[in-house]
Amino acid sequence: MKSITVAQTRDMMLHVSDAVIGSKDSLTEIDSAIGDGDHGIGMAGGLAKAKAKLLETKEFETVNQVFKTVGRTMLMSMGGASGVIFGTMIEGGARAAEDIKTLDCASFTKLMQGSLAAVRKRSDAQLGDKTMLDALIPAVEAMGSAKTDDLAELLGIAEKAAKQGMENTKKYVAKYGRAKSLMERSLGHQDAGATSVWIIFNAMKEYLEGLS
């Protein structure tokens, strides 16, 4: 499949919402090991409210509006660092992009590149700092390097990179949040934020594969 409509983009983000909501317990378990233990609750709560907004607004005029609705709802409802960072991840690229009527590989890649740029303005974290950027950066870079015009294949490439980035966080010492105080004791533990990024990319991939 080379592109999806605005309505299909909405359905894809509903699938993303369900995936994150369904992962609440596992995200809580991961975050409890070295964090505050509230990441899963925050992400599930934010996406539950975003899902309600998507269902409430049955027709969107642009892809941008879909992403902005989800991102802004997360920003408004979650609070804290996760709300800011993940809300920005979802809406940042859509806010900066021209109106998108159909989402193809080129526009999706540009959208996510804009999201990454927006997140980097919010955070000075770098690759290897054990944050969500350890999954987001490789996923977006993989999209930029991919040589395909098939959306499902593109998101498969991004998901694989995000998953590897998530796994890599086990090798890093945390430099942000509560986990920072643990220093070397944070080694061996997976970052919850990076896990959420992987869940989001994996859910988008699953939806697109279901259309193929």
C-alpha atoms as a PDB file:
ATOM      1  CA  MET A   1       0.000   0.000   0.000  1.00  0.00           C
ATOM      2  CA  LYS A   2       1.468   3.315  -1.106  1.00  0.00           C
ATOM      3  CA  SER A   3      -0.775   5.699   0.848  1.00  0.00           C
ATOM      4  CA  ILE A   4      -3.651   5.934   3.301  1.00  0.00           C
ATOM      5  CA  THR A   5      -6.506   8.395   3.579  1.00  0.00           C
ATOM      6  CA  VAL A   6      -7.257  10.793   6.416  1.00  0.00           C
ATOM      7  CA  ALA A   7      -9.945   8.390   7.687  1.00  0.00           C
ATOM      8  CA  GLN A   8      -7.477   5.498   7.641  1.00  0.00           C
ATOM      9  CA  THR A   9      -4.938   7.657   9.495  1.00  0.00           C
ATOM     10  CA  ARG A  10      -7.569   8.192  12.185  1.00  0.00           C
ATOM     11  CA  ASP A  11      -8.142   4.442  12.391  1.00  0.00           C
ATOM     12  CA  MET A  12      -4.394   3.856  12.614  1.00  0.00           C
ATOM     13  CA  MET A  13      -4.130   6.209  15.577  1.00  0.00           C
ATOM     14  CA  LEU A  14      -7.087   4.467  17.219  1.00  0.00           C
ATOM     15  CA  HIS A  15      -5.103   1.234  16.880  1.00  0.00           C
ATOM     16  CA  VAL A  16      -2.064   2.967  18.395  1.00  0.00           C
ATOM     17  CA  SER A  17      -4.210   4.157  21.296  1.00  0.00           C
ATOM     18  CA  ASP A  18      -5.518   0.648  21.942  1.00  0.00           C
ATOM     19  CA  ALA A  19      -1.988  -0.777  21.827  1.00  0.00           C
ATOM     20  CA  VAL A  20      -0.674   1.674  24.406  1.00  0.00           C
ATOM     21  CA  ILE A  21      -3.717   1.271  26.641  1.00  0.00           C
ATOM     22  CA  GLY A  22      -3.286  -2.504  26.472  1.00  0.00           C
ATOM     23  CA  SER A  23       0.378  -2.155  27.452  1.00  0.00           C
ATOM     24  CA  LYS A  24      -0.327  -0.191  30.668  1.00  0.00           C
ATOM     25  CA  ASP A  25       0.639  -3.004  33.037  1.00  0.00           C
ATOM     26  CA  SER A  26       3.831  -3.971  31.206  1.00  0.00           C
ATOM     27  CA  LEU A  27       4.926  -0.322  30.940  1.00  0.00           C
ATOM     28  CA  THR A  28       4.231   0.133  34.648  1.00  0.00           C
ATOM     29  CA  GLU A  29       6.346  -2.929  35.451  1.00  0.00           C
ATOM     30  CA  ILE A  30       9.225  -1.701  33.290  1.00  0.00           C
ATOM     31  CA  ASP A  31       9.101   1.795  34.776  1.00  0.00           C
ATOM     32  CA  SER A  32       8.832   0.511  38.351  1.00  0.00           C
ATOM     33  CA  ALA A  33      12.269  -1.117  38.085  1.00  0.00           C
ATOM     34  CA  ILE A  34      14.167   2.175  37.828  1.00  0.00           C
ATOM     35  CA  GLY A  35      11.587   4.948  37.518  1.00  0.00           C
ATOM     36  CA  ASP A  36       8.543   6.287  39.313  1.00  0.00           C
ATOM     37  CA  GLY A  37       6.313   3.478  38.134  1.00  0.00           C
ATOM     38  CA  ASP A  38       3.698   5.816  36.675  1.00  0.00           C
ATOM     39  CA  HIS A  39       4.680   5.806  32.987  1.00  0.00           C
ATOM     40  CA  GLY A  40       2.178   3.143  31.966  1.00  0.00           C
ATOM     41  CA  ILE A  41      -0.664   4.821  33.825  1.00  0.00           C
ATOM     42  CA  GLY A  42       0.159   8.194  32.268  1.00  0.00           C
ATOM     43  CA  MET A  43       0.516   6.886  28.720  1.00  0.00           C
ATOM     44  CA  ALA A  44      -2.627   4.752  28.906  1.00  0.00           C
ATOM     45  CA  GLY A  45      -4.614   7.609  30.411  1.00  0.00           C
ATOM     46  CA  GLY A  46      -3.432  10.090  27.792  1.00  0.00           C
ATOM     47  CA  LEU A  47      -4.172   7.760  24.893  1.00  0.00           C
ATOM     48  CA  ALA A  48      -7.569   6.830  26.342  1.00  0.00           C
ATOM     49  CA  LYS A  49      -8.530  10.498  26.247  1.00  0.00           C
ATOM     50  CA  ALA A  50      -7.033  10.848  22.764  1.00  0.00           C
ATOM     51  CA  LYS A  51      -9.052   7.839  21.591  1.00  0.00           C
ATOM     52  CA  ALA A  52     -12.214   9.458  22.909  1.00  0.00           C
ATOM     53  CA  LYS A  53     -11.394  12.642  20.966  1.00  0.00           C
ATOM     54  CA  LEU A  54     -10.808  10.659  17.765  1.00  0.00           C
ATOM     55  CA  LEU A  55     -14.117   8.849  18.156  1.00  0.00           C
ATOM     56  CA  GLU A  56     -15.901  12.084  18.968  1.00  0.00           C
ATOM     57  CA  THR A  57     -14.614  13.742  15.771  1.00  0.00           C
ATOM     58  CA  LYS A  58     -15.564  11.237  13.089  1.00  0.00           C
ATOM     59  CA  GLU A  59     -14.289  13.251  10.127  1.00  0.00           C
ATOM     60  CA  PHE A  60     -10.995  15.099   9.856  1.00  0.00           C
ATOM     61  CA  GLU A  61     -10.000  17.204   6.873  1.00  0.00           C
ATOM     62  CA  THR A  62      -6.253  16.487   7.016  1.00  0.00           C
ATOM     63  CA  VAL A  63      -3.802  13.967   8.398  1.00  0.00           C
ATOM     64  CA  ASN A  64      -2.300  16.845  10.372  1.00  0.00           C
ATOM     65  CA  GLN A  65      -5.534  17.311  12.301  1.00  0.00           C
ATOM     66  CA  VAL A  66      -5.550  13.660  13.346  1.00  0.00           C
ATOM     67  CA  PHE A  67      -2.016  13.802  14.751  1.00  0.00           C
ATOM     68  CA  LYS A  68      -2.567  17.208  16.350  1.00  0.00           C
ATOM     69  CA  THR A  69      -5.736  16.020  18.053  1.00  0.00           C
ATOM     70  CA  VAL A  70      -3.921  13.059  19.604  1.00  0.00           C
ATOM     71  CA  GLY A  71      -0.808  15.012  20.556  1.00  0.00           C
ATOM     72  CA  ARG A  72      -2.613  17.989  22.055  1.00  0.00           C
ATOM     73  CA  THR A  73      -4.903  15.743  24.064  1.00  0.00           C
ATOM     74  CA  MET A  74      -1.869  13.973  25.501  1.00  0.00           C
ATOM     75  CA  LEU A  75      -0.213  17.297  26.308  1.00  0.00           C
ATOM     76  CA  MET A  76      -3.326  18.598  28.041  1.00  0.00           C
ATOM     77  CA  SER A  77      -4.287  15.462  29.934  1.00  0.00           C
ATOM     78  CA  MET A  78      -1.065  13.723  30.965  1.00  0.00           C
ATOM     79  CA  GLY A  79       1.022  16.461  32.511  1.00  0.00           C
ATOM     80  CA  GLY A  80       4.640  15.919  33.516  1.00  0.00           C
ATOM     81  CA  ALA A  81       7.585  15.201  31.271  1.00  0.00           C
ATOM     82  CA  SER A  82       5.979  12.253  29.482  1.00  0.00           C
ATOM     83  CA  GLY A  83       2.941  14.303  28.485  1.00  0.00           C
ATOM     84  CA  VAL A  84       5.112  17.049  27.042  1.00  0.00           C
ATOM     85  CA  ILE A  85       7.531  14.751  25.224  1.00  0.00           C
ATOM     86  CA  PHE A  86       5.043  12.242  23.814  1.00  0.00           C
ATOM     87  CA  GLY A  87       2.469  14.885  22.999  1.00  0.00           C
ATOM     88  CA  THR A  88       5.203  16.727  21.106  1.00  0.00           C
ATOM     89  CA  MET A  89       6.277  13.515  19.386  1.00  0.00           C
ATOM     90  CA  ILE A  90       2.780  12.983  18.015  1.00  0.00           C
ATOM     91  CA  GLU A  91       1.824  16.548  17.092  1.00  0.00           C
ATOM     92  CA  GLY A  92       5.169  18.287  16.503  1.00  0.00           C
ATOM     93  CA  GLY A  93       5.652  17.198  12.916  1.00  0.00           C
ATOM     94  CA  ALA A  94       1.996  17.676  12.012  1.00  0.00           C
ATOM     95  CA  ARG A  95       2.017  21.210  13.366  1.00  0.00           C
ATOM     96  CA  ALA A  96       4.991  22.187  11.193  1.00  0.00           C
ATOM     97  CA  ALA A  97       3.951  20.381   7.995  1.00  0.00           C
ATOM     98  CA  GLU A  98       1.773  21.627   5.174  1.00  0.00           C
ATOM     99  CA  ASP A  99      -1.717  20.120   5.009  1.00  0.00           C
ATOM    100  CA  ILE A 100      -1.543  16.414   4.188  1.00  0.00           C
ATOM    101  CA  LYS A 101      -4.571  14.847   2.505  1.00  0.00           C
ATOM    102  CA  THR A 102      -3.054  11.407   1.873  1.00  0.00           C
ATOM    103  CA  LEU A 103      -0.231   9.889   3.898  1.00  0.00           C
ATOM    104  CA  ASP A 104       2.491   8.250   1.807  1.00  0.00           C
ATOM    105  CA  CYS A 105       6.089   7.268   2.542  1.00  0.00           C
ATOM    106  CA  ALA A 106       7.502  10.701   1.773  1.00  0.00           C
ATOM    107  CA  SER A 107       4.967  12.647   3.831  1.00  0.00           C
ATOM    108  CA  PHE A 108       5.050  10.156   6.711  1.00  0.00           C
ATOM    109  CA  THR A 109       8.829  10.348   6.855  1.00  0.00           C
ATOM    110  CA  LYS A 110       8.755  14.136   6.776  1.00  0.00           C
ATOM    111  CA  LEU A 111       6.089  14.142   9.480  1.00  0.00           C
ATOM    112  CA  MET A 112       8.198  12.001  11.807  1.00  0.00           C
ATOM    113  CA  GLN A 113      11.351  13.982  11.056  1.00  0.00           C
ATOM    114  CA  GLY A 114       9.466  17.079  12.127  1.00  0.00           C
ATOM    115  CA  SER A 115       8.325  15.305  15.282  1.00  0.00           C
ATOM    116  CA  LEU A 116      11.874  14.332  16.159  1.00  0.00           C
ATOM    117  CA  ALA A 117      13.052  17.910  15.608  1.00  0.00           C
ATOM    118  CA  ALA A 118      10.261  19.167  17.881  1.00  0.00           C
ATOM    119  CA  VAL A 119      11.150  16.684  20.631  1.00  0.00           C
ATOM    120  CA  ARG A 120      14.801  17.688  20.428  1.00  0.00           C
ATOM    121  CA  LYS A 121      13.798  21.299  21.043  1.00  0.00           C
ATOM    122  CA  ARG A 122      12.082  20.132  24.227  1.00  0.00           C
ATOM    123  CA  SER A 123      14.889  17.899  25.468  1.00  0.00           C
ATOM    124  CA  ASP A 124      18.670  18.048  25.396  1.00  0.00           C
ATOM    125  CA  ALA A 125      18.932  14.260  25.796  1.00  0.00           C
ATOM    126  CA  GLN A 126      21.259  12.489  23.394  1.00  0.00           C
ATOM    127  CA  LEU A 127      21.412   8.993  21.951  1.00  0.00           C
ATOM    128  CA  GLY A 128      22.616   6.710  24.737  1.00  0.00           C
ATOM    129  CA  ASP A 129      21.115   8.705  27.603  1.00  0.00           C
ATOM    130  CA  LYS A 130      18.479   6.012  28.254  1.00  0.00           C
ATOM    131  CA  THR A 131      15.397   7.968  27.149  1.00  0.00           C
ATOM    132  CA  MET A 132      12.653   7.653  24.551  1.00  0.00           C
ATOM    133  CA  LEU A 133      15.016   9.268  22.050  1.00  0.00           C
ATOM    134  CA  ASP A 134      17.056   6.047  22.003  1.00  0.00           C
ATOM    135  CA  ALA A 135      14.145   4.461  20.109  1.00  0.00           C
ATOM    136  CA  LEU A 136      12.790   7.530  18.303  1.00  0.00           C
ATOM    137  CA  ILE A 137      16.066   8.679  16.720  1.00  0.00           C
ATOM    138  CA  PRO A 138      16.934   5.345  15.043  1.00  0.00           C
ATOM    139  CA  ALA A 139      13.326   4.829  13.927  1.00  0.00           C
ATOM    140  CA  VAL A 140      13.123   8.212  12.215  1.00  0.00           C
ATOM    141  CA  GLU A 141      16.612   7.877  10.731  1.00  0.00           C
ATOM    142  CA  ALA A 142      15.645   4.459   9.370  1.00  0.00           C
ATOM    143  CA  MET A 143      12.586   5.983   7.712  1.00  0.00           C
ATOM    144  CA  GLY A 144      14.770   8.633   6.128  1.00  0.00           C
ATOM    145  CA  SER A 145      17.158   6.026   4.728  1.00  0.00           C
ATOM    146  CA  ALA A 146      14.513   3.536   3.565  1.00  0.00           C
ATOM    147  CA  LYS A 147      14.209   2.879  -0.146  1.00  0.00           C
ATOM    148  CA  THR A 148      10.569   1.901  -0.448  1.00  0.00           C
ATOM    149  CA  ASP A 149       7.239   3.352  -1.488  1.00  0.00           C
ATOM    150  CA  ASP A 150       5.232   0.809   0.527  1.00  0.00           C
ATOM    151  CA  LEU A 151       3.937   2.219   3.807  1.00  0.00           C
ATOM    152  CA  ALA A 152       3.783  -1.107   5.635  1.00  0.00           C
ATOM    153  CA  GLU A 153       7.371  -1.860   4.646  1.00  0.00           C
ATOM    154  CA  LEU A 154       8.475   1.623   5.724  1.00  0.00           C
ATOM    155  CA  LEU A 155       6.906   1.238   9.159  1.00  0.00           C
ATOM    156  CA  GLY A 156       8.326  -2.256   9.437  1.00  0.00           C
ATOM    157  CA  ILE A 157      11.792  -0.773   8.953  1.00  0.00           C
ATOM    158  CA  ALA A 158      11.057   1.946  11.517  1.00  0.00           C
ATOM    159  CA  GLU A 159       9.646  -0.546  14.031  1.00  0.00           C
ATOM    160  CA  LYS A 160      12.700  -2.765  13.755  1.00  0.00           C
ATOM    161  CA  ALA A 161      15.004   0.196  14.398  1.00  0.00           C
ATOM    162  CA  ALA A 162      12.876   1.379  17.330  1.00  0.00           C
ATOM    163  CA  LYS A 163      12.929  -2.101  18.848  1.00  0.00           C
ATOM    164  CA  GLN A 164      16.714  -2.322  18.590  1.00  0.00           C
ATOM    165  CA  GLY A 165      17.006   1.141  20.124  1.00  0.00           C
ATOM    166  CA  MET A 166      14.720   0.054  22.950  1.00  0.00           C
ATOM    167  CA  GLU A 167      16.822  -3.049  23.582  1.00  0.00           C
ATOM    168  CA  ASN A 168      19.984  -0.943  23.546  1.00  0.00           C
ATOM    169  CA  THR A 169      18.743   1.090  26.520  1.00  0.00           C
ATOM    170  CA  LYS A 170      19.508  -1.905  28.734  1.00  0.00           C
ATOM    171  CA  LYS A 171      23.204  -1.176  28.126  1.00  0.00           C
ATOM    172  CA  TYR A 172      23.008   2.509  29.069  1.00  0.00           C
ATOM    173  CA  VAL A 173      23.332   4.340  32.368  1.00  0.00           C
ATOM    174  CA  ALA A 174      20.343   6.635  32.925  1.00  0.00           C
ATOM    175  CA  LYS A 175      21.035  10.367  32.797  1.00  0.00           C
ATOM    176  CA  TYR A 176      17.508  11.700  33.336  1.00  0.00           C
ATOM    177  CA  GLY A 177      14.637  11.309  35.779  1.00  0.00           C
ATOM    178  CA  ARG A 178      14.545   9.218  38.918  1.00  0.00           C
ATOM    179  CA  ALA A 179      16.661   6.528  37.259  1.00  0.00           C
ATOM    180  CA  LYS A 180      19.570   9.006  37.089  1.00  0.00           C
ATOM    181  CA  SER A 181      20.155   8.624  40.834  1.00  0.00           C
ATOM    182  CA  LEU A 182      20.664   4.876  40.408  1.00  0.00           C
ATOM    183  CA  MET A 183      23.717   5.420  38.181  1.00  0.00           C
ATOM    184  CA  GLU A 184      25.239   2.026  37.253  1.00  0.00           C
ATOM    185  CA  ARG A 185      22.347   0.225  38.931  1.00  0.00           C
ATOM    186  CA  SER A 186      20.176   1.325  36.013  1.00  0.00           C
ATOM    187  CA  LEU A 187      22.206  -0.951  33.730  1.00  0.00           C
ATOM    188  CA  GLY A 188      20.350  -4.010  32.506  1.00  0.00           C
ATOM    189  CA  HIS A 189      16.972  -2.306  32.705  1.00  0.00           C
ATOM    190  CA  GLN A 190      14.921  -1.237  29.684  1.00  0.00           C
ATOM    191  CA  ASP A 191      13.748   2.361  29.430  1.00  0.00           C
ATOM    192  CA  ALA A 192       9.974   2.742  29.650  1.00  0.00           C
ATOM    193  CA  GLY A 193       9.858   5.764  27.335  1.00  0.00           C
ATOM    194  CA  ALA A 194      11.787   3.953  24.619  1.00  0.00           C
ATOM    195  CA  THR A 195       9.398   1.034  25.060  1.00  0.00           C
ATOM    196  CA  SER A 196       6.406   3.323  24.470  1.00  0.00           C
ATOM    197  CA  VAL A 197       8.005   4.619  21.275  1.00  0.00           C
ATOM    198  CA  TRP A 198       8.425   1.045  20.043  1.00  0.00           C
ATOM    199  CA  ILE A 199       4.816   0.198  20.937  1.00  0.00           C
ATOM    200  CA  ILE A 200       3.615   3.198  18.902  1.00  0.00           C
ATOM    201  CA  PHE A 201       5.668   2.310  15.817  1.00  0.00           C
ATOM    202  CA  ASN A 202       4.746  -1.360  16.124  1.00  0.00           C
ATOM    203  CA  ALA A 203       1.046  -0.503  16.309  1.00  0.00           C
ATOM    204  CA  MET A 204       1.279   1.703  13.219  1.00  0.00           C
ATOM    205  CA  LYS A 205       3.059  -1.125  11.400  1.00  0.00           C
ATOM    206  CA  GLU A 206       0.395  -3.640  12.474  1.00  0.00           C
ATOM    207  CA  TYR A 207      -2.401  -1.432  11.192  1.00  0.00           C
ATOM    208  CA  LEU A 208      -0.726  -0.871   7.835  1.00  0.00           C
ATOM    209  CA  GLU A 209       0.056  -4.565   7.413  1.00  0.00           C
ATOM    210  CA  GLY A 210      -3.605  -5.280   7.997  1.00  0.00           C
ATOM    211  CA  LEU A 211      -4.467  -3.092   4.998  1.00  0.00           C
ATOM    212  CA  SER A 212      -1.967  -4.754   2.668  1.00  0.00           C
END
